[in-house]
Amino acid sequence: MKKSKKKAVKKKSKKKVVMKKIIKEKPKKRQIDPLPGTFMLTSMFGLIITLIYTSSGRIHIDWGVAFSIVFLIMFIASLKSITPSKNI
């Protein structure tokens, strides 16, 4: 039994802890590709038609809100693609 304890002690003493440096890379600047003009027109017409149909009762309010959110996100994306900016 004594021999096995000595071997175990020797193995523990031989292990070394190696510290590695973590180098953080700077994030690359993303470029936003321009969207076509029809994308903005589709979002504007879709938002206007959805709001009119929802207010008149042709579309249920739940569907109207869902479509409005989608067309609003499309419109914001088209505005973001036409405005020049250095950082996102």
PDB file of N, CA and C in Angstrom:
ATOM      1  N   MET A   1       0.812  -1.201   0.000  1.00  0.00           N
ATOM      2  CA  MET A   1       0.000   0.000   0.000  1.00  0.00           C
ATOM      3  C   MET A   1       0.853   1.262   0.000  1.00  0.00           C
ATOM      4  N   LYS A   2       1.942   1.248   0.618  1.00  0.00           N
ATOM      5  CA  LYS A   2       2.767   2.441   0.688  1.00  0.00           C
ATOM      6  C   LYS A   2       3.300   2.834  -0.684  1.00  0.00           C
ATOM      7  N   LYS A   3       3.602   1.857  -1.498  1.00  0.00           N
ATOM      8  CA  LYS A   3       4.139   2.152  -2.823  1.00  0.00           C
ATOM      9  C   LYS A   3       3.097   2.835  -3.706  1.00  0.00           C
ATOM     10  N   SER A   4       1.875   2.378  -3.617  1.00  0.00           N
ATOM     11  CA  SER A   4       0.835   2.974  -4.444  1.00  0.00           C
ATOM     12  C   SER A   4       0.551   4.423  -4.047  1.00  0.00           C
ATOM     13  N   LYS A   5       0.668   4.735  -2.767  1.00  0.00           N
ATOM     14  CA  LYS A   5       0.467   6.119  -2.319  1.00  0.00           C
ATOM     15  C   LYS A   5       1.576   7.016  -2.843  1.00  0.00           C
ATOM     16  N   LYS A   6       2.793   6.505  -2.856  1.00  0.00           N
ATOM     17  CA  LYS A   6       3.915   7.309  -3.336  1.00  0.00           C
ATOM     18  C   LYS A   6       3.765   7.601  -4.826  1.00  0.00           C
ATOM     19  N   LYS A   7       3.307   6.627  -5.579  1.00  0.00           N
ATOM     20  CA  LYS A   7       3.122   6.841  -7.004  1.00  0.00           C
ATOM     21  C   LYS A   7       2.038   7.885  -7.268  1.00  0.00           C
ATOM     22  N   ALA A   8       0.995   7.822  -6.481  1.00  0.00           N
ATOM     23  CA  ALA A   8      -0.076   8.791  -6.639  1.00  0.00           C
ATOM     24  C   ALA A   8       0.405  10.199  -6.326  1.00  0.00           C
ATOM     25  N   VAL A   9       1.255  10.328  -5.330  1.00  0.00           N
ATOM     26  CA  VAL A   9       1.796  11.628  -4.959  1.00  0.00           C
ATOM     27  C   VAL A   9       2.706  12.145  -6.051  1.00  0.00           C
ATOM     28  N   LYS A  10       3.490  11.291  -6.649  1.00  0.00           N
ATOM     29  CA  LYS A  10       4.397  11.718  -7.711  1.00  0.00           C
ATOM     30  C   LYS A  10       3.629  12.200  -8.932  1.00  0.00           C
ATOM     31  N   LYS A  11       2.550  11.531  -9.260  1.00  0.00           N
ATOM     32  CA  LYS A  11       1.763  11.944 -10.418  1.00  0.00           C
ATOM     33  C   LYS A  11       1.141  13.319 -10.213  1.00  0.00           C
ATOM     34  N   LYS A  12       0.686  13.593  -9.014  1.00  0.00           N
ATOM     35  CA  LYS A  12       0.089  14.896  -8.736  1.00  0.00           C
ATOM     36  C   LYS A  12       1.124  16.004  -8.799  1.00  0.00           C
ATOM     37  N   SER A  13       2.317  15.751  -8.353  1.00  0.00           N
ATOM     38  CA  SER A  13       3.339  16.788  -8.322  1.00  0.00           C
ATOM     39  C   SER A  13       3.868  17.111  -9.719  1.00  0.00           C
ATOM     40  N   LYS A  14       3.738  16.196 -10.675  1.00  0.00           N
ATOM     41  CA  LYS A  14       4.240  16.430 -12.018  1.00  0.00           C
ATOM     42  C   LYS A  14       3.299  17.275 -12.868  1.00  0.00           C
ATOM     43  N   LYS A  15       2.035  17.351 -12.486  1.00  0.00           N
ATOM     44  CA  LYS A  15       1.073  18.122 -13.265  1.00  0.00           C
ATOM     45  C   LYS A  15       1.330  19.612 -13.109  1.00  0.00           C
ATOM     46  N   LYS A  16       1.257  20.329 -14.214  1.00  0.00           N
ATOM     47  CA  LYS A  16       1.445  21.775 -14.194  1.00  0.00           C
ATOM     48  C   LYS A  16       0.203  22.445 -14.768  1.00  0.00           C
ATOM     49  N   VAL A  17      -0.100  23.572 -14.216  1.00  0.00           N
ATOM     50  CA  VAL A  17      -1.230  24.342 -14.702  1.00  0.00           C
ATOM     51  C   VAL A  17      -0.703  25.356 -15.706  1.00  0.00           C
ATOM     52  N   VAL A  18      -1.251  25.299 -16.876  1.00  0.00           N
ATOM     53  CA  VAL A  18      -0.818  26.198 -17.941  1.00  0.00           C
ATOM     54  C   VAL A  18      -1.910  27.253 -18.142  1.00  0.00           C
ATOM     55  N   MET A  19      -1.524  28.510 -18.023  1.00  0.00           N
ATOM     56  CA  MET A  19      -2.454  29.616 -18.227  1.00  0.00           C
ATOM     57  C   MET A  19      -2.308  30.101 -19.677  1.00  0.00           C
ATOM     58  N   LYS A  20      -3.419  30.139 -20.372  1.00  0.00           N
ATOM     59  CA  LYS A  20      -3.411  30.624 -21.752  1.00  0.00           C
ATOM     60  C   LYS A  20      -4.023  32.013 -21.802  1.00  0.00           C
ATOM     61  N   LYS A  21      -3.452  32.849 -22.628  1.00  0.00           N
ATOM     62  CA  LYS A  21      -4.004  34.187 -22.815  1.00  0.00           C
ATOM     63  C   LYS A  21      -5.093  34.129 -23.866  1.00  0.00           C
ATOM     64  N   ILE A  22      -6.199  34.726 -23.547  1.00  0.00           N
ATOM     65  CA  ILE A  22      -7.303  34.789 -24.493  1.00  0.00           C
ATOM     66  C   ILE A  22      -7.254  36.150 -25.179  1.00  0.00           C
ATOM     67  N   ILE A  23      -7.071  36.109 -26.462  1.00  0.00           N
ATOM     68  CA  ILE A  23      -6.985  37.339 -27.235  1.00  0.00           C
ATOM     69  C   ILE A  23      -8.367  37.616 -27.817  1.00  0.00           C
ATOM     70  N   LYS A  24      -8.890  38.754 -27.471  1.00  0.00           N
ATOM     71  CA  LYS A  24     -10.203  39.136 -27.981  1.00  0.00           C
ATOM     72  C   LYS A  24     -10.022  39.895 -29.287  1.00  0.00           C
ATOM     73  N   GLU A  25     -10.683  39.390 -30.306  1.00  0.00           N
ATOM     74  CA  GLU A  25     -10.621  40.057 -31.597  1.00  0.00           C
ATOM     75  C   GLU A  25     -11.687  41.138 -31.663  1.00  0.00           C
ATOM     76  N   LYS A  26     -11.357  42.200 -32.333  1.00  0.00           N
ATOM     77  CA  LYS A  26     -12.334  43.261 -32.514  1.00  0.00           C
ATOM     78  C   LYS A  26     -13.393  42.786 -33.492  1.00  0.00           C
ATOM     79  N   PRO A  27     -14.646  43.064 -33.192  1.00  0.00           N
ATOM     80  CA  PRO A  27     -15.692  42.628 -34.133  1.00  0.00           C
ATOM     81  C   PRO A  27     -15.572  43.380 -35.451  1.00  0.00           C
ATOM     82  N   LYS A  28     -15.776  42.654 -36.521  1.00  0.00           N
ATOM     83  CA  LYS A  28     -15.695  43.274 -37.836  1.00  0.00           C
ATOM     84  C   LYS A  28     -16.938  44.117 -38.072  1.00  0.00           C
ATOM     85  N   LYS A  29     -16.750  45.215 -38.755  1.00  0.00           N
ATOM     86  CA  LYS A  29     -17.881  46.082 -39.065  1.00  0.00           C
ATOM     87  C   LYS A  29     -18.726  45.420 -40.143  1.00  0.00           C
ATOM     88  N   ARG A  30     -20.008  45.338 -39.855  1.00  0.00           N
ATOM     89  CA  ARG A  30     -20.910  44.738 -40.829  1.00  0.00           C
ATOM     90  C   ARG A  30     -21.451  45.808 -41.756  1.00  0.00           C
ATOM     91  N   GLN A  31     -21.564  45.453 -42.989  1.00  0.00           N
ATOM     92  CA  GLN A  31     -22.139  46.364 -43.966  1.00  0.00           C
ATOM     93  C   GLN A  31     -23.537  45.878 -44.310  1.00  0.00           C
ATOM     94  N   ILE A  32     -24.457  46.806 -44.335  1.00  0.00           N
ATOM     95  CA  ILE A  32     -25.829  46.459 -44.667  1.00  0.00           C
ATOM     96  C   ILE A  32     -26.013  46.626 -46.169  1.00  0.00           C
ATOM     97  N   ASP A  33     -26.461  45.567 -46.794  1.00  0.00           N
ATOM     98  CA  ASP A  33     -26.712  45.636 -48.235  1.00  0.00           C
ATOM     99  C   ASP A  33     -27.964  46.462 -48.497  1.00  0.00           C
ATOM    100  N   PRO A  34     -27.941  47.256 -49.555  1.00  0.00           N
ATOM    101  CA  PRO A  34     -29.130  48.058 -49.858  1.00  0.00           C
ATOM    102  C   PRO A  34     -30.280  47.176 -50.340  1.00  0.00           C
ATOM    103  N   LEU A  35     -31.469  47.493 -49.876  1.00  0.00           N
ATOM    104  CA  LEU A  35     -32.671  46.775 -50.302  1.00  0.00           C
ATOM    105  C   LEU A  35     -33.287  47.494 -51.500  1.00  0.00           C
ATOM    106  N   PRO A  36     -33.959  46.761 -52.355  1.00  0.00           N
ATOM    107  CA  PRO A  36     -34.581  47.422 -53.523  1.00  0.00           C
ATOM    108  C   PRO A  36     -35.724  48.341 -53.099  1.00  0.00           C
ATOM    109  N   GLY A  37     -36.034  49.274 -53.958  1.00  0.00           N
ATOM    110  CA  GLY A  37     -37.096  50.244 -53.664  1.00  0.00           C
ATOM    111  C   GLY A  37     -38.461  49.599 -53.556  1.00  0.00           C
ATOM    112  N   THR A  38     -38.666  48.497 -54.261  1.00  0.00           N
ATOM    113  CA  THR A  38     -39.961  47.817 -54.186  1.00  0.00           C
ATOM    114  C   THR A  38     -40.218  47.229 -52.808  1.00  0.00           C
ATOM    115  N   PHE A  39     -39.140  46.941 -52.084  1.00  0.00           N
ATOM    116  CA  PHE A  39     -39.288  46.430 -50.723  1.00  0.00           C
ATOM    117  C   PHE A  39     -39.932  47.486 -49.825  1.00  0.00           C
ATOM    118  N   MET A  40     -39.483  48.735 -49.982  1.00  0.00           N
ATOM    119  CA  MET A  40     -40.061  49.821 -49.193  1.00  0.00           C
ATOM    120  C   MET A  40     -41.504  50.089 -49.619  1.00  0.00           C
ATOM    121  N   LEU A  41     -41.760  50.072 -50.911  1.00  0.00           N
ATOM    122  CA  LEU A  41     -43.127  50.288 -51.384  1.00  0.00           C
ATOM    123  C   LEU A  41     -44.079  49.203 -50.886  1.00  0.00           C
ATOM    124  N   THR A  42     -43.623  47.962 -50.922  1.00  0.00           N
ATOM    125  CA  THR A  42     -44.453  46.856 -50.437  1.00  0.00           C
ATOM    126  C   THR A  42     -44.770  47.015 -48.964  1.00  0.00           C
ATOM    127  N   SER A  43     -43.771  47.417 -48.194  1.00  0.00           N
ATOM    128  CA  SER A  43     -44.003  47.576 -46.755  1.00  0.00           C
ATOM    129  C   SER A  43     -44.950  48.740 -46.468  1.00  0.00           C
ATOM    130  N   MET A  44     -44.814  49.836 -47.226  1.00  0.00           N
ATOM    131  CA  MET A  44     -45.693  50.982 -47.001  1.00  0.00           C
ATOM    132  C   MET A  44     -47.136  50.659 -47.384  1.00  0.00           C
ATOM    133  N   PHE A  45     -47.310  50.090 -48.580  1.00  0.00           N
ATOM    134  CA  PHE A  45     -48.676  49.734 -49.008  1.00  0.00           C
ATOM    135  C   PHE A  45     -49.283  48.667 -48.106  1.00  0.00           C
ATOM    136  N   GLY A  46     -48.498  47.700 -47.732  1.00  0.00           N
ATOM    137  CA  GLY A  46     -48.994  46.649 -46.850  1.00  0.00           C
ATOM    138  C   GLY A  46     -49.431  47.193 -45.500  1.00  0.00           C
ATOM    139  N   LEU A  47     -48.657  48.114 -44.952  1.00  0.00           N
ATOM    140  CA  LEU A  47     -49.005  48.710 -43.655  1.00  0.00           C
ATOM    141  C   LEU A  47     -50.276  49.551 -43.771  1.00  0.00           C
ATOM    142  N   ILE A  48     -50.367  50.351 -44.821  1.00  0.00           N
ATOM    143  CA  ILE A  48     -51.554  51.203 -44.995  1.00  0.00           C
ATOM    144  C   ILE A  48     -52.811  50.357 -45.212  1.00  0.00           C
ATOM    145  N   ILE A  49     -52.720  49.372 -46.094  1.00  0.00           N
ATOM    146  CA  ILE A  49     -53.888  48.526 -46.370  1.00  0.00           C
ATOM    147  C   ILE A  49     -54.296  47.729 -45.130  1.00  0.00           C
ATOM    148  N   THR A  50     -53.315  47.227 -44.398  1.00  0.00           N
ATOM    149  CA  THR A  50     -53.625  46.470 -43.181  1.00  0.00           C
ATOM    150  C   THR A  50     -54.320  47.354 -42.143  1.00  0.00           C
ATOM    151  N   LEU A  51     -53.831  48.572 -41.982  1.00  0.00           N
ATOM    152  CA  LEU A  51     -54.458  49.476 -41.006  1.00  0.00           C
ATOM    153  C   LEU A  51     -55.884  49.836 -41.424  1.00  0.00           C
ATOM    154  N   ILE A  52     -56.100  50.071 -42.704  1.00  0.00           N
ATOM    155  CA  ILE A  52     -57.450  50.404 -43.185  1.00  0.00           C
ATOM    156  C   ILE A  52     -58.393  49.224 -43.006  1.00  0.00           C
ATOM    157  N   TYR A  53     -57.954  48.036 -43.417  1.00  0.00           N
ATOM    158  CA  TYR A  53     -58.813  46.857 -43.303  1.00  0.00           C
ATOM    159  C   TYR A  53     -59.095  46.495 -41.847  1.00  0.00           C
ATOM    160  N   THR A  54     -58.122  46.699 -40.974  1.00  0.00           N
ATOM    161  CA  THR A  54     -58.335  46.382 -39.561  1.00  0.00           C
ATOM    162  C   THR A  54     -59.299  47.368 -38.924  1.00  0.00           C
ATOM    163  N   SER A  55     -59.152  48.647 -39.259  1.00  0.00           N
ATOM    164  CA  SER A  55     -60.042  49.649 -38.661  1.00  0.00           C
ATOM    165  C   SER A  55     -61.476  49.530 -39.188  1.00  0.00           C
ATOM    166  N   SER A  56     -61.638  49.060 -40.436  1.00  0.00           N
ATOM    167  CA  SER A  56     -62.983  48.912 -40.989  1.00  0.00           C
ATOM    168  C   SER A  56     -63.651  47.602 -40.572  1.00  0.00           C
ATOM    169  N   GLY A  57     -62.887  46.678 -40.038  1.00  0.00           N
ATOM    170  CA  GLY A  57     -63.451  45.422 -39.558  1.00  0.00           C
ATOM    171  C   GLY A  57     -63.381  44.279 -40.547  1.00  0.00           C
ATOM    172  N   ARG A  58     -62.752  44.479 -41.688  1.00  0.00           N
ATOM    173  CA  ARG A  58     -62.637  43.394 -42.672  1.00  0.00           C
ATOM    174  C   ARG A  58     -61.671  42.303 -42.193  1.00  0.00           C
ATOM    175  N   ILE A  59     -60.646  42.718 -41.445  1.00  0.00           N
ATOM    176  CA  ILE A  59     -59.674  41.774 -40.885  1.00  0.00           C
ATOM    177  C   ILE A  59     -59.841  41.806 -39.370  1.00  0.00           C
ATOM    178  N   HIS A  60     -59.738  40.632 -38.752  1.00  0.00           N
ATOM    179  CA  HIS A  60     -59.836  40.559 -37.294  1.00  0.00           C
ATOM    180  C   HIS A  60     -58.654  41.313 -36.690  1.00  0.00           C
ATOM    181  N   ILE A  61     -58.853  41.863 -35.508  1.00  0.00           N
ATOM    182  CA  ILE A  61     -57.840  42.709 -34.873  1.00  0.00           C
ATOM    183  C   ILE A  61     -56.524  41.960 -34.628  1.00  0.00           C
ATOM    184  N   ASP A  62     -56.607  40.659 -34.310  1.00  0.00           N
ATOM    185  CA  ASP A  62     -55.382  39.883 -34.074  1.00  0.00           C
ATOM    186  C   ASP A  62     -54.532  39.785 -35.343  1.00  0.00           C
ATOM    187  N   TRP A  63     -55.185  39.497 -36.466  1.00  0.00           N
ATOM    188  CA  TRP A  63     -54.465  39.422 -37.732  1.00  0.00           C
ATOM    189  C   TRP A  63     -53.956  40.799 -38.150  1.00  0.00           C
ATOM    190  N   GLY A  64     -54.720  41.822 -37.874  1.00  0.00           N
ATOM    191  CA  GLY A  64     -54.299  43.176 -38.221  1.00  0.00           C
ATOM    192  C   GLY A  64     -53.043  43.599 -37.488  1.00  0.00           C
ATOM    193  N   VAL A  65     -52.984  43.271 -36.205  1.00  0.00           N
ATOM    194  CA  VAL A  65     -51.792  43.609 -35.418  1.00  0.00           C
ATOM    195  C   VAL A  65     -50.590  42.822 -35.925  1.00  0.00           C
ATOM    196  N   ALA A  66     -50.799  41.542 -36.219  1.00  0.00           N
ATOM    197  CA  ALA A  66     -49.692  40.702 -36.697  1.00  0.00           C
ATOM    198  C   ALA A  66     -49.145  41.222 -38.029  1.00  0.00           C
ATOM    199  N   PHE A  67     -50.032  41.517 -38.981  1.00  0.00           N
ATOM    200  CA  PHE A  67     -49.584  42.041 -40.268  1.00  0.00           C
ATOM    201  C   PHE A  67     -48.944  43.414 -40.122  1.00  0.00           C
ATOM    202  N   SER A  68     -49.480  44.239 -39.248  1.00  0.00           N
ATOM    203  CA  SER A  68     -48.903  45.573 -39.034  1.00  0.00           C
ATOM    204  C   SER A  68     -47.486  45.479 -38.500  1.00  0.00           C
ATOM    205  N   ILE A  69     -47.252  44.566 -37.574  1.00  0.00           N
ATOM    206  CA  ILE A  69     -45.904  44.396 -37.028  1.00  0.00           C
ATOM    207  C   ILE A  69     -44.936  43.945 -38.115  1.00  0.00           C
ATOM    208  N   VAL A  70     -45.365  43.005 -38.935  1.00  0.00           N
ATOM    209  CA  VAL A  70     -44.495  42.510 -40.019  1.00  0.00           C
ATOM    210  C   VAL A  70     -44.159  43.631 -41.002  1.00  0.00           C
ATOM    211  N   PHE A  71     -45.165  44.364 -41.442  1.00  0.00           N
ATOM    212  CA  PHE A  71     -44.908  45.434 -42.409  1.00  0.00           C
ATOM    213  C   PHE A  71     -44.121  46.584 -41.786  1.00  0.00           C
ATOM    214  N   LEU A  72     -44.305  46.833 -40.509  1.00  0.00           N
ATOM    215  CA  LEU A  72     -43.528  47.869 -39.834  1.00  0.00           C
ATOM    216  C   LEU A  72     -42.053  47.462 -39.735  1.00  0.00           C
ATOM    217  N   ILE A  73     -41.783  46.212 -39.431  1.00  0.00           N
ATOM    218  CA  ILE A  73     -40.394  45.734 -39.390  1.00  0.00           C
ATOM    219  C   ILE A  73     -39.760  45.827 -40.780  1.00  0.00           C
ATOM    220  N   MET A  74     -40.527  45.493 -41.802  1.00  0.00           N
ATOM    221  CA  MET A  74     -40.018  45.624 -43.171  1.00  0.00           C
ATOM    222  C   MET A  74     -39.685  47.079 -43.491  1.00  0.00           C
ATOM    223  N   PHE A  75     -40.544  47.990 -43.080  1.00  0.00           N
ATOM    224  CA  PHE A  75     -40.317  49.413 -43.364  1.00  0.00           C
ATOM    225  C   PHE A  75     -39.091  49.931 -42.619  1.00  0.00           C
ATOM    226  N   ILE A  76     -38.920  49.541 -41.371  1.00  0.00           N
ATOM    227  CA  ILE A  76     -37.752  49.975 -40.594  1.00  0.00           C
ATOM    228  C   ILE A  76     -36.466  49.419 -41.217  1.00  0.00           C
ATOM    229  N   ALA A  77     -36.512  48.165 -41.691  1.00  0.00           N
ATOM    230  CA  ALA A  77     -35.336  47.576 -42.333  1.00  0.00           C
ATOM    231  C   ALA A  77     -34.982  48.325 -43.616  1.00  0.00           C
ATOM    232  N   SER A  78     -35.990  48.733 -44.371  1.00  0.00           N
ATOM    233  CA  SER A  78     -35.711  49.466 -45.601  1.00  0.00           C
ATOM    234  C   SER A  78     -35.155  50.858 -45.300  1.00  0.00           C
ATOM    235  N   LEU A  79     -35.617  51.490 -44.227  1.00  0.00           N
ATOM    236  CA  LEU A  79     -35.055  52.788 -43.839  1.00  0.00           C
ATOM    237  C   LEU A  79     -33.614  52.647 -43.371  1.00  0.00           C
ATOM    238  N   LYS A  80     -33.339  51.570 -42.648  1.00  0.00           N
ATOM    239  CA  LYS A  80     -31.976  51.347 -42.156  1.00  0.00           C
ATOM    240  C   LYS A  80     -31.010  51.096 -43.311  1.00  0.00           C
ATOM    241  N   SER A  81     -31.494  50.470 -44.358  1.00  0.00           N
ATOM    242  CA  SER A  81     -30.601  50.157 -45.483  1.00  0.00           C
ATOM    243  C   SER A  81     -30.280  51.372 -46.326  1.00  0.00           C
ATOM    244  N   ILE A  82     -31.087  52.431 -46.270  1.00  0.00           N
ATOM    245  CA  ILE A  82     -30.788  53.607 -47.090  1.00  0.00           C
ATOM    246  C   ILE A  82     -30.043  54.688 -46.329  1.00  0.00           C
ATOM    247  N   THR A  83     -29.999  54.616 -45.000  1.00  0.00           N
ATOM    248  CA  THR A  83     -29.281  55.624 -44.229  1.00  0.00           C
ATOM    249  C   THR A  83     -27.849  55.170 -44.023  1.00  0.00           C
ATOM    250  N   PRO A  84     -26.885  56.003 -44.422  1.00  0.00           N
ATOM    251  CA  PRO A  84     -25.477  55.615 -44.218  1.00  0.00           C
ATOM    252  C   PRO A  84     -25.094  55.765 -42.741  1.00  0.00           C
ATOM    253  N   SER A  85     -24.416  54.758 -42.227  1.00  0.00           N
ATOM    254  CA  SER A  85     -23.955  54.838 -40.846  1.00  0.00           C
ATOM    255  C   SER A  85     -22.615  54.116 -40.750  1.00  0.00           C
ATOM    256  N   LYS A  86     -21.768  54.599 -39.841  1.00  0.00           N
ATOM    257  CA  LYS A  86     -20.451  53.983 -39.672  1.00  0.00           C
ATOM    258  C   LYS A  86     -20.534  52.773 -38.764  1.00  0.00           C
ATOM    259  N   ASN A  87     -21.302  52.893 -37.703  1.00  0.00           N
ATOM    260  CA  ASN A  87     -21.442  51.791 -36.750  1.00  0.00           C
ATOM    261  C   ASN A  87     -22.879  51.345 -36.686  1.00  0.00           C
ATOM    262  N   ILE A  88     -23.051  50.067 -36.428  1.00  0.00           N
ATOM    263  CA  ILE A  88     -24.402  49.533 -36.310  1.00  0.00           C
ATOM    264  C   ILE A  88     -24.788  49.503 -34.851  1.00  0.00           C
TER     265      ILE A  88
END
